[in-house]
Amino acid sequence: MLVTTGANMVHDTVEALGLHHYKGSDCANDIQLRHECIDRIYDVYLPDQHFTDLEEFLQGVYSGLPQENLSIRQVLTEIGKNLDDDSSILKTAAEMGIPVYCPALQDSVIGLQAWLYKEGNPLHVDAFADMHEFMDICYGAESAGAMLLGGGVPKNYILQSMLVTPRSFDYAIQLTMDRPETGGLSGATLDEAQSWGKVGEDAKSVTVYADSTITLPLIVSAVRTRLSKR
């Protein structure tokens, strides 16, 4: 299963709709970009029109949702079913039956558009519904492992699951650029998680302080190479 941010799924959906991100510069004149209707994410640019097109797509998805109580995971699954890009995380997850959990979906364009739709139309989304399903999976696991890319809400959502189960994570990998000295969750060490019982005393764990867009592909490549030799 995957736990992620709303922003990640927003940009996954943008790409899946053929509304690409563009390489820019972090030294740009942001006032000029604003006048040109271009949004900047560090050195990545997105035209405002991309979000207009995304919003129209999302409104169409919401209008087709069943009139019953839905979880956030179910909403994301429905979005994935409406995408036609094999590189999309949401589309692939929907096809493979992989649950995608997003505990802070409201903190994204997907959540904002859901609220706007709900202002004039029936839409019933239970923000707590996923927790029952998520905890059941964790509770029933014979062995549990976590791979954490970055931090924030997804990291805590994953780790806190072990507070209501009879066990702890047996394996944990953390790829992060954040440091522990600030006391924030994103930089918190896996050793710290052991004090809470989230990561087991005898767990195999490692933290790599590096950009996960570099380290994750290396790990995936290594795993695929090893599997191909079996």
C-alpha atoms as a PDB file:
ATOM      1  CA  MET A   1       0.000   0.000   0.000  1.00  0.00           C
ATOM      2  CA  LEU A   2       1.016   3.602  -0.555  1.00  0.00           C
ATOM      3  CA  VAL A   3       0.642   6.603   1.739  1.00  0.00           C
ATOM      4  CA  THR A   4       1.315   9.922   0.067  1.00  0.00           C
ATOM      5  CA  THR A   5       0.518  13.619  -0.062  1.00  0.00           C
ATOM      6  CA  GLY A   6      -2.259  15.237  -2.026  1.00  0.00           C
ATOM      7  CA  ALA A   7       0.329  17.288  -3.907  1.00  0.00           C
ATOM      8  CA  ASN A   8       2.043  14.148  -5.217  1.00  0.00           C
ATOM      9  CA  MET A   9      -1.249  12.859  -6.576  1.00  0.00           C
ATOM     10  CA  VAL A  10      -2.094  16.262  -8.054  1.00  0.00           C
ATOM     11  CA  HIS A  11       1.104  16.322 -10.080  1.00  0.00           C
ATOM     12  CA  ASP A  12       0.731  12.657 -11.007  1.00  0.00           C
ATOM     13  CA  THR A  13      -2.716  13.488 -12.388  1.00  0.00           C
ATOM     14  CA  VAL A  14      -1.424  16.580 -14.187  1.00  0.00           C
ATOM     15  CA  GLU A  15       1.146  14.469 -16.031  1.00  0.00           C
ATOM     16  CA  ALA A  16      -1.397  11.726 -16.744  1.00  0.00           C
ATOM     17  CA  LEU A  17      -3.612  14.301 -18.459  1.00  0.00           C
ATOM     18  CA  GLY A  18      -0.742  15.278 -20.738  1.00  0.00           C
ATOM     19  CA  LEU A  19      -0.247  18.585 -18.928  1.00  0.00           C
ATOM     20  CA  HIS A  20       3.486  18.444 -18.488  1.00  0.00           C
ATOM     21  CA  HIS A  21       5.858  20.051 -16.020  1.00  0.00           C
ATOM     22  CA  TYR A  22       8.645  22.176 -17.479  1.00  0.00           C
ATOM     23  CA  LYS A  23      12.241  22.687 -16.427  1.00  0.00           C
ATOM     24  CA  GLY A  24      12.739  26.247 -15.238  1.00  0.00           C
ATOM     25  CA  SER A  25      15.024  28.060 -12.814  1.00  0.00           C
ATOM     26  CA  ASP A  26      14.953  28.712  -9.090  1.00  0.00           C
ATOM     27  CA  CYS A  27      16.461  32.143  -9.817  1.00  0.00           C
ATOM     28  CA  ALA A  28      13.471  33.321 -11.832  1.00  0.00           C
ATOM     29  CA  ASN A  29      11.648  36.626 -11.419  1.00  0.00           C
ATOM     30  CA  ASP A  30       8.517  35.376  -9.666  1.00  0.00           C
ATOM     31  CA  ILE A  31       6.575  38.587 -10.236  1.00  0.00           C
ATOM     32  CA  GLN A  32       7.191  38.212 -13.958  1.00  0.00           C
ATOM     33  CA  LEU A  33       6.146  34.548 -13.794  1.00  0.00           C
ATOM     34  CA  ARG A  34       2.941  35.616 -12.088  1.00  0.00           C
ATOM     35  CA  HIS A  35       2.208  38.086 -14.888  1.00  0.00           C
ATOM     36  CA  GLU A  36       2.847  35.301 -17.408  1.00  0.00           C
ATOM     37  CA  CYS A  37       0.496  32.922 -15.529  1.00  0.00           C
ATOM     38  CA  ILE A  38       3.250  30.451 -14.682  1.00  0.00           C
ATOM     39  CA  ASP A  39       3.479  28.740 -11.286  1.00  0.00           C
ATOM     40  CA  ARG A  40       6.922  27.832  -9.931  1.00  0.00           C
ATOM     41  CA  ILE A  41       7.896  24.860  -7.759  1.00  0.00           C
ATOM     42  CA  TYR A  42      11.595  25.514  -7.118  1.00  0.00           C
ATOM     43  CA  ASP A  43      12.972  24.986 -10.656  1.00  0.00           C
ATOM     44  CA  VAL A  44       9.825  23.460 -12.165  1.00  0.00           C
ATOM     45  CA  TYR A  45       7.199  25.505 -14.025  1.00  0.00           C
ATOM     46  CA  LEU A  46       3.505  24.815 -14.598  1.00  0.00           C
ATOM     47  CA  PRO A  47       1.193  27.102 -16.590  1.00  0.00           C
ATOM     48  CA  ASP A  48      -1.975  28.190 -14.785  1.00  0.00           C
ATOM     49  CA  GLN A  49      -3.966  26.617 -17.618  1.00  0.00           C
ATOM     50  CA  HIS A  50      -2.783  23.192 -16.475  1.00  0.00           C
ATOM     51  CA  PHE A  51      -4.641  23.645 -13.211  1.00  0.00           C
ATOM     52  CA  THR A  52      -7.740  24.919 -15.001  1.00  0.00           C
ATOM     53  CA  ASP A  53      -7.751  21.741 -17.102  1.00  0.00           C
ATOM     54  CA  LEU A  54      -7.081  19.620 -14.004  1.00  0.00           C
ATOM     55  CA  GLU A  55      -9.966  21.246 -12.166  1.00  0.00           C
ATOM     56  CA  GLU A  56     -12.360  20.530 -15.041  1.00  0.00           C
ATOM     57  CA  PHE A  57     -11.245  16.896 -15.049  1.00  0.00           C
ATOM     58  CA  LEU A  58     -11.724  16.555 -11.285  1.00  0.00           C
ATOM     59  CA  GLN A  59     -15.175  18.129 -11.378  1.00  0.00           C
ATOM     60  CA  GLY A  60     -16.143  15.531 -13.972  1.00  0.00           C
ATOM     61  CA  VAL A  61     -14.843  12.698 -11.786  1.00  0.00           C
ATOM     62  CA  TYR A  62     -16.676  13.991  -8.715  1.00  0.00           C
ATOM     63  CA  SER A  63     -19.946  14.267 -10.617  1.00  0.00           C
ATOM     64  CA  GLY A  64     -19.704  10.559 -11.437  1.00  0.00           C
ATOM     65  CA  LEU A  65     -19.002   9.328  -7.903  1.00  0.00           C
ATOM     66  CA  PRO A  66     -21.633   7.104  -6.260  1.00  0.00           C
ATOM     67  CA  GLN A  67     -23.958   8.886  -3.849  1.00  0.00           C
ATOM     68  CA  GLU A  68     -22.766   7.075  -0.740  1.00  0.00           C
ATOM     69  CA  ASN A  69     -20.201   7.556   1.985  1.00  0.00           C
ATOM     70  CA  LEU A  70     -16.740   7.222   0.456  1.00  0.00           C
ATOM     71  CA  SER A  71     -13.258   7.066   1.887  1.00  0.00           C
ATOM     72  CA  ILE A  72     -10.415   9.183   0.537  1.00  0.00           C
ATOM     73  CA  ARG A  73      -8.842   5.974  -0.774  1.00  0.00           C
ATOM     74  CA  GLN A  74     -11.999   5.256  -2.781  1.00  0.00           C
ATOM     75  CA  VAL A  75     -11.992   8.770  -4.245  1.00  0.00           C
ATOM     76  CA  LEU A  76      -8.372   8.385  -5.356  1.00  0.00           C
ATOM     77  CA  THR A  77      -9.181   4.993  -6.873  1.00  0.00           C
ATOM     78  CA  GLU A  78     -11.964   6.571  -8.926  1.00  0.00           C
ATOM     79  CA  ILE A  79      -9.611   9.299 -10.139  1.00  0.00           C
ATOM     80  CA  GLY A  80      -7.141   6.594 -11.176  1.00  0.00           C
ATOM     81  CA  LYS A  81      -9.836   4.726 -13.107  1.00  0.00           C
ATOM     82  CA  ASN A  82     -10.449   7.862 -15.167  1.00  0.00           C
ATOM     83  CA  LEU A  83      -6.813   8.272 -16.208  1.00  0.00           C
ATOM     84  CA  ASP A  84      -5.307   6.822 -19.376  1.00  0.00           C
ATOM     85  CA  ASP A  85      -1.566   7.063 -18.779  1.00  0.00           C
ATOM     86  CA  ASP A  86       0.260   3.834 -17.932  1.00  0.00           C
ATOM     87  CA  SER A  87       2.957   5.858 -16.153  1.00  0.00           C
ATOM     88  CA  SER A  88       0.431   7.255 -13.680  1.00  0.00           C
ATOM     89  CA  ILE A  89       0.714   6.141 -10.062  1.00  0.00           C
ATOM     90  CA  LEU A  90      -3.032   6.459  -9.483  1.00  0.00           C
ATOM     91  CA  LYS A  91      -3.959   4.611 -12.681  1.00  0.00           C
ATOM     92  CA  THR A  92      -1.533   1.773 -11.956  1.00  0.00           C
ATOM     93  CA  ALA A  93      -2.692   1.505  -8.345  1.00  0.00           C
ATOM     94  CA  ALA A  94      -6.345   1.372  -9.421  1.00  0.00           C
ATOM     95  CA  GLU A  95      -5.627  -1.367 -11.968  1.00  0.00           C
ATOM     96  CA  MET A  96      -3.478  -3.431  -9.586  1.00  0.00           C
ATOM     97  CA  GLY A  97      -5.758  -3.044  -6.578  1.00  0.00           C
ATOM     98  CA  ILE A  98      -3.105  -1.210  -4.560  1.00  0.00           C
ATOM     99  CA  PRO A  99      -4.699   1.088  -1.962  1.00  0.00           C
ATOM    100  CA  VAL A 100      -3.473   4.689  -1.975  1.00  0.00           C
ATOM    101  CA  TYR A 101      -4.011   6.568   1.275  1.00  0.00           C
ATOM    102  CA  CYS A 102      -3.759  10.333   1.548  1.00  0.00           C
ATOM    103  CA  PRO A 103      -4.491  11.506   5.106  1.00  0.00           C
ATOM    104  CA  ALA A 104      -4.182  15.201   4.182  1.00  0.00           C
ATOM    105  CA  LEU A 105      -5.945  15.246   0.821  1.00  0.00           C
ATOM    106  CA  GLN A 106      -7.615  18.536   1.762  1.00  0.00           C
ATOM    107  CA  ASP A 107      -4.160  20.123   1.537  1.00  0.00           C
ATOM    108  CA  SER A 108      -4.094  19.890  -2.260  1.00  0.00           C
ATOM    109  CA  VAL A 109      -5.933  20.939  -5.416  1.00  0.00           C
ATOM    110  CA  ILE A 110      -7.726  17.566  -5.387  1.00  0.00           C
ATOM    111  CA  GLY A 111      -9.102  18.349  -1.937  1.00  0.00           C
ATOM    112  CA  LEU A 112      -9.837  21.977  -2.776  1.00  0.00           C
ATOM    113  CA  GLN A 113     -11.818  20.966  -5.844  1.00  0.00           C
ATOM    114  CA  ALA A 114     -13.707  18.345  -3.829  1.00  0.00           C
ATOM    115  CA  TRP A 115     -14.746  21.065  -1.390  1.00  0.00           C
ATOM    116  CA  LEU A 116     -15.804  23.389  -4.215  1.00  0.00           C
ATOM    117  CA  TYR A 117     -17.851  20.601  -5.789  1.00  0.00           C
ATOM    118  CA  LYS A 118     -19.441  19.788  -2.435  1.00  0.00           C
ATOM    119  CA  GLU A 119     -20.563  23.410  -2.023  1.00  0.00           C
ATOM    120  CA  GLY A 120     -23.195  22.883  -4.702  1.00  0.00           C
ATOM    121  CA  ASN A 121     -23.524  19.112  -5.020  1.00  0.00           C
ATOM    122  CA  PRO A 122     -23.846  16.054  -2.784  1.00  0.00           C
ATOM    123  CA  LEU A 123     -20.450  14.543  -1.975  1.00  0.00           C
ATOM    124  CA  HIS A 124     -19.931  12.368   1.077  1.00  0.00           C
ATOM    125  CA  VAL A 125     -16.297  11.681   1.979  1.00  0.00           C
ATOM    126  CA  ASP A 126     -15.386  10.328   5.418  1.00  0.00           C
ATOM    127  CA  ALA A 127     -11.882  11.550   6.282  1.00  0.00           C
ATOM    128  CA  PHE A 128     -11.528   8.858   8.978  1.00  0.00           C
ATOM    129  CA  ALA A 129     -12.803   5.871   6.981  1.00  0.00           C
ATOM    130  CA  ASP A 130      -9.363   4.917   5.684  1.00  0.00           C
ATOM    131  CA  MET A 131      -7.953   4.502   9.176  1.00  0.00           C
ATOM    132  CA  HIS A 132     -10.044   1.396   9.877  1.00  0.00           C
ATOM    133  CA  GLU A 133      -8.931  -0.254   6.638  1.00  0.00           C
ATOM    134  CA  PHE A 134      -5.318   0.843   7.077  1.00  0.00           C
ATOM    135  CA  MET A 135      -5.107  -0.357  10.674  1.00  0.00           C
ATOM    136  CA  ASP A 136      -6.663  -3.711   9.760  1.00  0.00           C
ATOM    137  CA  ILE A 137      -3.920  -4.287   7.191  1.00  0.00           C
ATOM    138  CA  CYS A 138      -1.218  -3.371   9.706  1.00  0.00           C
ATOM    139  CA  TYR A 139      -2.807  -5.422  12.479  1.00  0.00           C
ATOM    140  CA  GLY A 140      -3.057  -8.533  10.329  1.00  0.00           C
ATOM    141  CA  ALA A 141       0.449  -8.377   8.873  1.00  0.00           C
ATOM    142  CA  GLU A 142       2.742 -11.238   9.904  1.00  0.00           C
ATOM    143  CA  SER A 143       5.726  -9.021   9.150  1.00  0.00           C
ATOM    144  CA  ALA A 144       5.627  -5.273   8.575  1.00  0.00           C
ATOM    145  CA  GLY A 145       8.024  -2.966   6.777  1.00  0.00           C
ATOM    146  CA  ALA A 146       8.015   0.707   5.849  1.00  0.00           C
ATOM    147  CA  MET A 147       9.875   2.664   3.204  1.00  0.00           C
ATOM    148  CA  LEU A 148       9.745   6.374   3.951  1.00  0.00           C
ATOM    149  CA  LEU A 149      10.524   8.925   1.250  1.00  0.00           C
ATOM    150  CA  GLY A 150      10.802  12.317   2.893  1.00  0.00           C
ATOM    151  CA  GLY A 151       8.599  13.043   5.883  1.00  0.00           C
ATOM    152  CA  GLY A 152       5.534  15.039   6.795  1.00  0.00           C
ATOM    153  CA  VAL A 153       2.038  13.655   7.281  1.00  0.00           C
ATOM    154  CA  PRO A 154       2.551  10.390   5.334  1.00  0.00           C
ATOM    155  CA  LYS A 155       5.544   9.443   7.490  1.00  0.00           C
ATOM    156  CA  ASN A 156       3.668   9.877  10.752  1.00  0.00           C
ATOM    157  CA  TYR A 157       0.516   8.222   9.374  1.00  0.00           C
ATOM    158  CA  ILE A 158       2.565   5.143   8.535  1.00  0.00           C
ATOM    159  CA  LEU A 159       4.533   4.969  11.770  1.00  0.00           C
ATOM    160  CA  GLN A 160       1.623   5.708  14.115  1.00  0.00           C
ATOM    161  CA  SER A 161      -0.225   2.655  12.803  1.00  0.00           C
ATOM    162  CA  MET A 162       1.968   0.480  14.994  1.00  0.00           C
ATOM    163  CA  LEU A 163       0.751   2.242  18.130  1.00  0.00           C
ATOM    164  CA  VAL A 164      -2.548   0.347  17.904  1.00  0.00           C
ATOM    165  CA  THR A 165      -1.169  -3.034  16.860  1.00  0.00           C
ATOM    166  CA  PRO A 166       0.523  -5.713  18.985  1.00  0.00           C
ATOM    167  CA  ARG A 167       3.777  -5.407  17.042  1.00  0.00           C
ATOM    168  CA  SER A 168       6.252  -2.919  15.570  1.00  0.00           C
ATOM    169  CA  PHE A 169       7.802  -2.488  12.148  1.00  0.00           C
ATOM    170  CA  ASP A 170      10.329  -5.236  11.464  1.00  0.00           C
ATOM    171  CA  TYR A 171      11.999  -3.327   8.636  1.00  0.00           C
ATOM    172  CA  ALA A 172      12.312   0.373   7.885  1.00  0.00           C
ATOM    173  CA  ILE A 173      14.129   2.446   5.278  1.00  0.00           C
ATOM    174  CA  GLN A 174      14.153   6.229   5.395  1.00  0.00           C
ATOM    175  CA  LEU A 175      15.350   8.379   2.497  1.00  0.00           C
ATOM    176  CA  THR A 176      15.381  11.999   3.574  1.00  0.00           C
ATOM    177  CA  MET A 177      17.128  15.348   3.295  1.00  0.00           C
ATOM    178  CA  ASP A 178      15.841  16.503   6.695  1.00  0.00           C
ATOM    179  CA  ARG A 179      17.969  16.575   9.818  1.00  0.00           C
ATOM    180  CA  PRO A 180      16.871  15.533  13.331  1.00  0.00           C
ATOM    181  CA  GLU A 181      18.285  18.572  15.140  1.00  0.00           C
ATOM    182  CA  THR A 182      15.197  20.734  14.531  1.00  0.00           C
ATOM    183  CA  GLY A 183      13.004  18.306  16.457  1.00  0.00           C
ATOM    184  CA  GLY A 184      10.570  18.034  13.557  1.00  0.00           C
ATOM    185  CA  LEU A 185       8.973  14.791  12.451  1.00  0.00           C
ATOM    186  CA  SER A 186      10.425  14.826   8.935  1.00  0.00           C
ATOM    187  CA  GLY A 187      13.971  14.603  10.272  1.00  0.00           C
ATOM    188  CA  ALA A 188      13.205  12.288  13.182  1.00  0.00           C
ATOM    189  CA  THR A 189      15.422   9.213  13.204  1.00  0.00           C
ATOM    190  CA  LEU A 190      14.199   5.638  13.078  1.00  0.00           C
ATOM    191  CA  ASP A 191      15.978   5.139  16.412  1.00  0.00           C
ATOM    192  CA  GLU A 192      13.628   7.748  17.866  1.00  0.00           C
ATOM    193  CA  ALA A 193      10.704   5.728  16.511  1.00  0.00           C
ATOM    194  CA  GLN A 194      11.952   2.763  18.562  1.00  0.00           C
ATOM    195  CA  SER A 195      11.315   4.727  21.760  1.00  0.00           C
ATOM    196  CA  TRP A 196       7.641   4.856  20.749  1.00  0.00           C
ATOM    197  CA  GLY A 197       7.499   1.189  19.828  1.00  0.00           C
ATOM    198  CA  LYS A 198       6.812   2.060  16.200  1.00  0.00           C
ATOM    199  CA  VAL A 199      10.012   0.385  15.002  1.00  0.00           C
ATOM    200  CA  GLY A 200      10.965  -2.848  16.753  1.00  0.00           C
ATOM    201  CA  GLU A 201      13.957  -3.273  19.042  1.00  0.00           C
ATOM    202  CA  ASP A 202      15.491  -5.855  16.702  1.00  0.00           C
ATOM    203  CA  ALA A 203      14.274  -4.264  13.489  1.00  0.00           C
ATOM    204  CA  LYS A 204      16.519  -3.904  10.474  1.00  0.00           C
ATOM    205  CA  SER A 205      16.511  -0.207   9.678  1.00  0.00           C
ATOM    206  CA  VAL A 206      18.590   2.373   7.856  1.00  0.00           C
ATOM    207  CA  THR A 207      18.383   6.089   7.115  1.00  0.00           C
ATOM    208  CA  VAL A 208      19.997   7.559   4.014  1.00  0.00           C
ATOM    209  CA  TYR A 209      20.478  11.319   4.049  1.00  0.00           C
ATOM    210  CA  ALA A 210      20.205  12.089   0.364  1.00  0.00           C
ATOM    211  CA  ASP A 211      17.734  13.175  -2.300  1.00  0.00           C
ATOM    212  CA  SER A 212      15.173  10.380  -2.701  1.00  0.00           C
ATOM    213  CA  THR A 213      14.803  11.163  -6.416  1.00  0.00           C
ATOM    214  CA  ILE A 214      18.389   9.896  -6.678  1.00  0.00           C
ATOM    215  CA  THR A 215      18.437   7.138  -4.061  1.00  0.00           C
ATOM    216  CA  LEU A 216      15.061   5.523  -4.808  1.00  0.00           C
ATOM    217  CA  PRO A 217      15.846   4.769  -8.487  1.00  0.00           C
ATOM    218  CA  LEU A 218      19.166   3.245  -7.393  1.00  0.00           C
ATOM    219  CA  ILE A 219      17.397   0.996  -4.888  1.00  0.00           C
ATOM    220  CA  VAL A 220      14.716  -0.040  -7.381  1.00  0.00           C
ATOM    221  CA  SER A 221      17.346  -0.794 -10.016  1.00  0.00           C
ATOM    222  CA  ALA A 222      19.340  -2.906  -7.558  1.00  0.00           C
ATOM    223  CA  VAL A 223      16.252  -4.867  -6.492  1.00  0.00           C
ATOM    224  CA  ARG A 224      15.207  -5.527 -10.093  1.00  0.00           C
ATOM    225  CA  THR A 225      18.725  -6.703 -10.932  1.00  0.00           C
ATOM    226  CA  ARG A 226      18.754  -9.123  -7.999  1.00  0.00           C
ATOM    227  CA  LEU A 227      15.301 -10.467  -8.845  1.00  0.00           C
ATOM    228  CA  SER A 228      16.305 -11.030 -12.475  1.00  0.00           C
ATOM    229  CA  LYS A 229      19.133 -13.314 -11.317  1.00  0.00           C
ATOM    230  CA  ARG A 230      16.864 -15.640  -9.360  1.00  0.00           C
END
